[in-house]
Structures are given as structure tokens and as C-alpha cells.
Protein backbone atom coordinates (compact mmCIF):
# COMPACT_ATOMS: atom_id res chain seq x y z
CA MET A 1 1.44 64.95 40.39
CA ARG A 2 -1.57 66.07 38.04
CA ASP A 3 -0.69 69.81 38.53
CA TYR A 4 2.97 69.51 38.22
CA GLY A 5 2.46 67.45 35.00
CA ILE A 6 0.10 70.20 33.61
CA GLN A 7 2.68 72.96 34.69
CA LEU A 8 5.40 70.93 32.64
CA GLY A 9 3.20 69.84 29.88
CA VAL A 10 3.88 66.10 30.74
CA ASN A 11 1.73 63.45 31.38
CA PRO A 12 1.19 62.66 35.22
CA ASN A 13 1.94 59.12 34.75
CA THR A 14 5.48 60.22 33.35
CA ILE A 15 5.95 62.16 36.58
CA MET A 16 4.79 59.49 38.89
CA ARG A 17 7.12 56.85 36.78
CA SER A 18 9.97 59.43 37.34
CA TYR A 19 9.54 59.82 41.09
CA GLU A 20 9.32 55.89 41.53
CA THR A 21 12.55 55.66 39.46
CA MET A 22 14.41 57.96 41.54
CA THR A 23 13.00 56.51 44.79
CA ALA A 24 14.07 53.14 43.73
CA ALA A 25 17.46 54.41 42.89
CA GLY A 26 17.59 56.12 46.29
CA ILE A 27 17.99 59.88 45.09
CA ILE A 28 14.68 61.02 46.66
CA TYR A 29 12.49 59.58 49.44
CA ASN A 30 8.86 60.12 50.48
CA LYS A 31 7.58 61.22 53.72
CA ARG A 32 3.92 60.40 53.81
CA GLY A 33 1.69 63.54 53.79
CA ILE A 34 4.52 65.86 53.36
CA GLY A 35 6.11 64.99 49.98
CA TYR A 36 9.49 64.13 48.29
CA PHE A 37 12.69 65.08 49.70
CA ILE A 38 16.38 64.65 48.12
CA ALA A 39 18.13 61.96 49.87
CA PRO A 40 21.65 62.88 51.43
CA GLU A 41 23.66 60.76 49.36
CA ALA A 42 21.70 61.58 45.96
CA LYS A 43 24.67 63.20 44.45
CA ASP A 44 26.87 60.38 44.96
CA ILE A 45 24.46 57.86 43.69
CA VAL A 46 23.73 60.27 40.60
CA LEU A 47 27.55 60.64 39.80
CA LYS A 48 27.96 56.84 40.12
CA GLN A 49 25.26 56.12 37.60
CA MET A 50 26.58 58.87 35.30
CA ARG A 51 30.21 57.52 35.66
CA GLU A 52 28.88 53.69 34.69
CA GLU A 53 27.00 55.16 31.83
CA PHE A 54 29.89 57.18 30.54
CA LEU A 55 32.17 53.82 30.85
CA GLU A 56 29.81 51.37 29.44
CA LYS A 57 28.22 53.53 26.66
CA GLU A 58 30.20 56.99 25.71
CA LEU A 59 33.74 55.78 26.29
CA PRO A 60 33.67 52.95 24.01
CA GLU A 61 32.19 55.39 21.17
CA VAL A 62 35.25 57.84 21.86
CA VAL A 63 37.82 55.22 21.68
CA LYS A 64 36.48 53.75 18.62
CA LYS A 65 36.75 57.09 17.00
CA MET A 66 40.24 57.75 18.20
CA LYS A 67 41.47 54.57 16.77
CA LEU A 68 39.68 55.41 13.47
CA LEU A 69 41.26 58.77 13.27
CA GLY A 70 44.72 57.71 14.88
CA VAL A 71 44.50 59.87 18.09
CA GLY A 72 46.57 58.48 20.83
CA LEU A 73 46.46 59.07 24.62
CA ASP A 74 49.46 61.29 24.60
CA GLU A 75 47.83 63.75 22.12
CA ILE A 76 44.62 63.82 24.28
CA LYS A 77 46.82 64.51 27.41
CA LYS A 78 48.88 67.17 25.72
CA SER A 79 45.67 68.87 24.23
CA TYR A 80 43.77 68.76 27.62
CA GLU A 81 46.56 68.94 30.19
CA LEU A 82 45.51 65.64 32.01
């Protein structure tokens, strides 16, 4: 961890917390004495987290701005061929 932190220019404690967070989320797992590996279901977990963050944080801001500007769903569908 220390060498990795130095290589990235990041505090080793930050690296360790990141690994702990990803392990707790099920994104990576540790094999003692060998190292960390990406979990088979990592992609699904990350996509689920990104989807939740989008729906809870980003989309409400987009909807608010759409209302402010008078942009409707039909206009969005037409512009982006949804």
C-alpha cells in the first residue's frame, strides 16, 4: 500500500480506506498473502451504485432545470431518439 501510495502521490491511508470501501461493497476481495482481486459481480455492483446515485442526485437536478427551461420529455425523446 505504501509503495502504491507513493507511486500515485496519494497518502497510503487513503489507498487503504479505498480498498476497505471496495471490499465492503463486494467489488474486490482479498486473498491473504496473494493480493486483491476484482469480484466476478463487480461490474453489476458498480453499475447499480452508479444508477442509484444518478436517480437520487443527478436526475432531480436535470428535472429541475428542465422545468425551469420549459423542456418537455417529448423534446428530449426527439433530440436523443429514445
